[in-house]
Amino acid sequence: MSKRKLPSASGADTNSTRKGSVVTTHDLLTFLMITVVCFIQALAINGFYGAHGLLSGGITGISFLLDYMFGIPKWVGIVVLNIPVCVVGFICLKPRFVVFSVIGTLMLALAVALTDGFTIPVENELVATLIGAAIIGVTSAPIVKRDATLGGLDVVSVILSKRFSVQIGSLNIIFNLFIMAALAFVKGLEIALLSIIAMFVSNVAFNFALSSLNKTVSVFIISDEWDEIAPEVLNALHRGVTYIPAEGAYTGEPRKLVYCIVRASEISKLKRIVKSKDERALFSIVETKEVVGRGFGSLN
């Protein structure tokens, strides 16, 4: 029996950029997400951090430090300090990534300026530290997941992460330790220690949220109905499929394994597809730490 030829598939998500289009739905959603996240983070930074004299990390933290020391408006520091970072980004990263990072920088500066003086009535400094840090860390992850940042040291961290395969959150911790050391001289050791706690909580929350969004698995499917399963995976999940030639050890009959990489959230749908074609199919699901390209992560 001759096996059907698989339909062509890019393996990319359905939100992939169409040829000839300048602004896609994916871009508009990214812009909307950046806008919402910037105002959420500005409320958290001003409401939790600013109200207690704490610092967030990165360039935003430096901007707060300059405000504490010299009265320079926070939004001015955010914009000015991000200029050299964005220049480096244009040299080392994809233009689209940097453009969104510039947009994120300007949006964050605007949001910080509009929410300046806003406070959240939490008297306990430690509680304010933990809540603010968790909000900032978790909300940053979806932005990076969409190949963008809110500017600042995140851009530098992305560059170094791509070069040396180190978690972005871990790099941020190293950068921010120097900023917190400066805060100790301005606001005192206790405030600096609380800000360091906030930094660690924020980065742990960021790494956890990002890994959860990026969780992927490699799937090997052993089935006599491989020629029906593979096209269905291509059409329903929009994921690339690879055939791996194999041979049954007992029967000696040649067969093909169906190999694909999917997000953990897509496993249940994949199981339904396979079960509809072959209830006796055998699955092997292997957790994959990171996947780059074709609808997953990208190399900036």
Protein backbone atom coordinates (compact mmCIF):
# COMPACT_ATOMS: atom_id res chain seq x y z
CA MET A 1 0.00 0.00 0.00
CA SER A 2 1.46 3.34 -0.99
CA LYS A 3 1.64 5.95 1.72
CA ARG A 4 0.24 9.42 1.17
CA LYS A 5 2.54 12.39 0.89
CA LEU A 6 2.31 14.74 3.82
CA PRO A 7 0.89 18.21 3.20
CA SER A 8 3.41 20.99 3.53
CA ALA A 9 3.61 22.76 6.86
CA SER A 10 5.86 25.44 8.22
CA GLY A 11 5.65 24.10 11.75
CA ALA A 12 5.07 27.63 12.99
CA ASP A 13 2.22 28.93 15.08
CA THR A 14 -0.85 30.26 13.35
CA ASN A 15 0.19 33.78 14.29
CA SER A 16 3.26 33.62 12.07
CA THR A 17 3.95 36.68 9.99
CA ARG A 18 2.51 36.58 6.49
CA LYS A 19 4.68 37.64 3.62
CA GLY A 20 4.24 41.20 2.58
CA SER A 21 2.43 42.26 5.74
CA VAL A 22 3.96 45.08 7.77
CA VAL A 23 1.91 44.86 10.96
CA THR A 24 0.34 41.54 11.89
CA THR A 25 -2.28 40.53 14.42
CA HIS A 26 0.56 39.06 16.48
CA ASP A 27 2.25 42.48 16.54
CA LEU A 28 -0.94 44.23 17.61
CA LEU A 29 -1.48 41.74 20.41
CA THR A 30 2.12 42.21 21.50
CA PHE A 31 1.65 45.99 21.56
CA LEU A 32 -1.56 45.62 23.58
CA MET A 33 0.13 43.28 26.05
CA ILE A 34 3.08 45.66 26.45
CA THR A 35 0.70 48.53 27.18
CA VAL A 36 -1.27 46.60 29.80
CA VAL A 37 1.85 45.17 31.47
CA CYS A 38 3.55 48.58 31.60
CA PHE A 39 0.66 50.10 33.54
CA ILE A 40 0.40 47.08 35.85
CA GLN A 41 4.12 47.27 36.61
CA ALA A 42 4.03 51.06 37.03
CA LEU A 43 1.25 50.70 39.60
CA ALA A 44 3.25 48.00 41.40
CA ILE A 45 6.52 49.97 41.28
CA ASN A 46 5.02 53.25 42.46
CA GLY A 47 2.44 51.70 44.75
CA PHE A 48 4.61 49.13 46.53
CA TYR A 49 8.22 50.14 45.91
CA GLY A 50 8.06 53.91 45.72
CA ALA A 51 5.77 54.17 48.74
CA HIS A 52 8.42 52.49 50.92
CA GLY A 53 11.58 53.86 49.30
CA LEU A 54 12.45 50.52 47.71
CA LEU A 55 14.03 49.88 44.35
CA SER A 56 12.99 47.67 41.48
CA GLY A 57 15.73 46.18 39.37
CA GLY A 58 17.47 47.29 36.22
CA ILE A 59 17.35 50.72 34.67
CA THR A 60 14.00 51.44 36.31
CA GLY A 61 15.73 50.90 39.65
CA ILE A 62 18.54 53.26 38.68
CA SER A 63 15.93 55.84 37.68
CA PHE A 64 14.31 55.56 41.10
CA LEU A 65 17.74 55.91 42.72
CA LEU A 66 18.41 59.11 40.74
CA ASP A 67 15.02 60.41 41.85
CA TYR A 68 15.82 59.65 45.48
CA MET A 69 19.25 61.30 45.24
CA PHE A 70 18.79 64.25 42.87
CA GLY A 71 15.05 64.61 42.28
CA ILE A 72 15.34 63.67 38.60
CA PRO A 73 11.90 62.47 37.41
CA LYS A 74 11.80 58.70 37.11
CA TRP A 75 10.45 58.73 33.57
CA VAL A 76 13.36 60.90 32.41
CA GLY A 77 15.87 58.42 33.79
CA ILE A 78 14.03 55.50 32.17
CA VAL A 79 14.12 57.12 28.72
CA VAL A 80 17.66 58.55 28.82
CA LEU A 81 19.36 55.48 30.31
CA ASN A 82 17.68 53.19 27.80
CA ILE A 83 19.12 55.01 24.78
CA PRO A 84 22.57 53.31 24.78
CA VAL A 85 20.95 49.96 25.62
CA CYS A 86 18.65 50.21 22.60
CA VAL A 87 21.59 51.14 20.36
CA VAL A 88 23.42 47.98 21.46
CA GLY A 89 20.22 46.03 20.91
CA PHE A 90 19.90 47.19 17.30
CA ILE A 91 23.44 45.95 16.68
CA CYS A 92 23.07 42.54 18.30
CA LEU A 93 19.40 41.59 18.06
CA LYS A 94 16.60 41.44 15.52
CA PRO A 95 15.14 44.87 14.65
CA ARG A 96 11.61 43.72 15.54
CA PHE A 97 12.69 42.70 19.02
CA VAL A 98 14.39 46.04 19.64
CA VAL A 99 11.49 48.06 18.20
CA PHE A 100 9.12 46.44 20.67
CA SER A 101 11.66 47.02 23.44
CA VAL A 102 11.75 50.72 22.54
CA ILE A 103 7.95 50.79 22.59
CA GLY A 104 8.05 49.06 25.97
CA THR A 105 10.53 51.61 27.29
CA LEU A 106 8.41 54.57 26.22
CA MET A 107 5.21 52.96 27.49
CA LEU A 108 6.78 52.20 30.86
CA ALA A 109 8.11 55.75 31.17
CA LEU A 110 4.64 57.10 30.36
CA ALA A 111 2.96 54.72 32.81
CA VAL A 112 5.43 55.59 35.60
CA ALA A 113 4.86 59.32 34.99
CA LEU A 114 1.05 58.96 35.02
CA THR A 115 1.02 56.85 38.19
CA ASP A 116 3.66 58.87 40.04
CA GLY A 117 2.57 59.40 43.64
CA PHE A 118 0.17 56.45 43.55
CA THR A 119 0.33 54.37 46.73
CA ILE A 120 -1.18 51.06 47.78
CA PRO A 121 -2.18 50.97 51.45
CA VAL A 122 0.15 48.19 52.63
CA GLU A 123 2.00 49.28 55.76
CA ASN A 124 4.20 46.22 56.17
CA GLU A 125 7.32 46.77 54.08
CA LEU A 126 8.06 43.06 53.68
CA VAL A 127 4.54 42.32 52.42
CA ALA A 128 4.79 45.23 49.98
CA THR A 129 8.16 43.91 48.82
CA LEU A 130 6.89 40.40 48.15
CA ILE A 131 3.66 41.43 46.42
CA GLY A 132 5.30 44.04 44.21
CA ALA A 133 8.15 41.71 43.25
CA ALA A 134 5.82 38.84 42.36
CA ILE A 135 3.66 41.09 40.18
CA ILE A 136 6.65 42.49 38.29
CA GLY A 137 8.28 39.08 37.79
CA VAL A 138 5.18 37.27 36.57
CA THR A 139 4.02 40.05 34.23
CA SER A 140 7.45 40.35 32.59
CA ALA A 141 7.46 36.73 31.38
CA PRO A 142 4.68 37.00 28.73
CA ILE A 143 6.47 40.01 27.21
CA VAL A 144 9.74 38.12 26.77
CA LYS A 145 7.75 35.13 25.53
CA ARG A 146 6.49 37.31 22.66
CA ASP A 147 10.06 38.30 21.72
CA ALA A 148 10.00 41.71 23.37
CA THR A 149 11.04 43.39 26.60
CA LEU A 150 10.26 46.60 28.42
CA GLY A 151 13.78 47.77 27.65
CA GLY A 152 16.47 48.31 30.23
CA LEU A 153 18.84 45.59 31.35
CA ASP A 154 16.46 42.95 30.01
CA VAL A 155 17.82 43.73 26.53
CA VAL A 156 21.40 43.21 27.73
CA SER A 157 20.34 40.03 29.54
CA VAL A 158 18.69 38.66 26.39
CA ILE A 159 21.89 39.30 24.41
CA LEU A 160 24.06 37.52 27.00
CA SER A 161 21.49 34.75 27.42
CA LYS A 162 21.60 34.03 23.68
CA ARG A 163 25.39 33.98 23.72
CA PHE A 164 25.98 31.96 26.88
CA SER A 165 22.68 30.09 27.53
CA VAL A 166 22.22 31.54 31.01
CA GLN A 167 18.73 32.22 32.37
CA ILE A 168 17.71 35.84 31.91
CA GLY A 169 16.51 36.10 35.49
CA SER A 170 19.88 34.93 36.81
CA LEU A 171 21.71 37.57 34.78
CA ASN A 172 19.38 40.25 36.12
CA ILE A 173 20.29 39.26 39.67
CA ILE A 174 23.98 39.86 38.98
CA PHE A 175 23.33 43.27 37.42
CA ASN A 176 20.97 44.36 40.15
CA LEU A 177 23.28 43.52 43.04
CA PHE A 178 25.41 46.53 42.08
CA ILE A 179 22.33 48.77 42.02
CA MET A 180 21.24 47.57 45.46
CA ALA A 181 24.71 48.22 46.86
CA ALA A 182 24.36 51.86 45.79
CA LEU A 183 20.92 52.02 47.41
CA ALA A 184 22.46 51.00 50.76
CA PHE A 185 24.45 54.26 50.82
CA VAL A 186 21.41 56.37 49.95
CA LYS A 187 18.53 54.80 51.89
CA GLY A 188 20.28 52.58 54.39
CA LEU A 189 21.09 48.90 54.69
CA GLU A 190 17.60 47.76 55.72
CA ILE A 191 15.92 49.24 52.65
CA ALA A 192 18.67 47.81 50.46
CA LEU A 193 18.17 44.34 51.94
CA LEU A 194 14.42 44.53 51.34
CA SER A 195 15.11 45.58 47.74
CA ILE A 196 17.46 42.61 47.32
CA ILE A 197 14.69 40.32 48.60
CA ALA A 198 12.34 41.92 46.07
CA MET A 199 14.90 41.37 43.32
CA PHE A 200 15.25 37.65 44.09
CA VAL A 201 11.51 37.12 44.37
CA SER A 202 10.91 38.98 41.12
CA ASN A 203 13.50 36.96 39.23
CA VAL A 204 12.34 33.63 40.65
CA ALA A 205 8.77 34.53 39.68
CA PHE A 206 9.96 35.57 36.22
CA ASN A 207 11.96 32.37 35.61
CA PHE A 208 9.07 30.23 36.87
CA ALA A 209 6.48 32.01 34.74
CA LEU A 210 8.68 31.95 31.64
CA SER A 211 9.52 28.26 31.99
CA SER A 212 5.81 27.50 32.46
CA LEU A 213 4.93 29.38 29.28
CA ASN A 214 7.77 27.71 27.36
CA LYS A 215 7.23 24.16 28.61
CA THR A 216 7.47 21.79 25.68
CA VAL A 217 7.67 18.04 25.18
CA SER A 218 9.08 15.75 22.52
CA VAL A 219 6.65 13.03 21.46
CA PHE A 220 7.41 9.71 19.76
CA ILE A 221 4.34 7.91 18.40
CA ILE A 222 4.50 4.26 17.40
CA SER A 223 1.53 3.27 15.28
CA ASP A 224 0.65 1.35 12.13
CA GLU A 225 -1.51 4.33 11.19
CA TRP A 226 1.40 6.75 11.03
CA ASP A 227 0.35 7.97 7.58
CA GLU A 228 -3.01 9.16 8.98
CA ILE A 229 -1.75 10.52 12.30
CA ALA A 230 0.97 12.79 10.90
CA PRO A 231 -1.23 14.85 8.53
CA GLU A 232 -3.79 15.33 11.31
CA VAL A 233 -1.10 16.67 13.65
CA LEU A 234 0.07 19.06 10.95
CA ASN A 235 -3.41 20.36 10.23
CA ALA A 236 -4.85 20.46 13.76
CA LEU A 237 -1.82 21.56 15.81
CA HIS A 238 0.21 23.32 13.11
CA ARG A 239 3.33 21.55 14.34
CA GLY A 240 6.02 20.05 12.17
CA VAL A 241 6.25 16.25 12.06
CA THR A 242 9.28 14.11 11.32
CA TYR A 243 9.35 10.45 10.30
CA ILE A 244 12.01 8.25 11.87
CA PRO A 245 12.60 4.95 10.03
CA ALA A 246 12.40 1.95 12.39
CA GLU A 247 11.97 -1.81 12.39
CA GLY A 248 9.99 -4.05 14.73
CA ALA A 249 12.39 -6.25 16.71
CA TYR A 250 9.90 -9.14 16.92
CA THR A 251 8.17 -8.94 13.54
CA GLY A 252 11.09 -7.55 11.56
CA GLU A 253 8.60 -5.36 9.70
CA PRO A 254 9.70 -1.85 8.73
CA ARG A 255 7.72 1.02 10.23
CA LYS A 256 7.98 4.74 10.78
CA LEU A 257 7.93 6.54 14.10
CA VAL A 258 6.10 9.86 14.19
CA TYR A 259 8.17 12.47 16.00
CA CYS A 260 6.95 15.95 16.90
CA ILE A 261 7.50 18.70 19.45
CA VAL A 262 4.46 20.32 21.05
CA ARG A 263 3.67 22.52 24.00
CA ALA A 264 2.65 20.73 27.19
CA SER A 265 -0.78 22.34 26.89
CA GLU A 266 -1.28 20.62 23.52
CA ILE A 267 -0.66 17.08 24.76
CA SER A 268 -4.33 16.30 25.47
CA LYS A 269 -5.32 17.40 21.97
CA LEU A 270 -2.51 15.32 20.46
CA LYS A 271 -3.67 12.27 22.40
CA ARG A 272 -7.20 12.71 21.07
CA ILE A 273 -5.89 12.92 17.51
CA VAL A 274 -3.86 9.73 17.87
CA LYS A 275 -6.61 7.84 19.67
CA SER A 276 -9.08 8.70 16.90
CA LYS A 277 -6.75 7.05 14.39
CA ASP A 278 -5.30 4.19 16.41
CA GLU A 279 -6.37 3.26 19.94
CA ARG A 280 -3.41 0.88 20.23
CA ALA A 281 -0.80 3.52 19.45
CA LEU A 282 2.16 3.79 21.80
CA PHE A 283 3.28 7.17 23.14
CA SER A 284 6.65 8.24 24.47
CA ILE A 285 6.56 11.76 25.95
CA VAL A 286 9.85 13.37 26.93
CA GLU A 287 10.02 16.77 28.64
CA THR A 288 12.22 19.16 26.67
CA LYS A 289 14.01 21.99 28.45
CA GLU A 290 14.07 24.43 25.53
CA VAL A 291 13.00 24.50 21.89
CA VAL A 292 14.15 27.21 19.48
CA GLY A 293 12.58 28.02 16.13
CA ARG A 294 9.46 27.06 14.13
CA GLY A 295 6.78 28.55 16.33
CA PHE A 296 8.61 28.14 19.64
CA GLY A 297 11.49 30.30 20.94
CA SER A 298 13.49 32.48 18.56
CA LEU A 299 17.13 33.32 18.15
CA ASN A 300 17.26 37.15 18.29
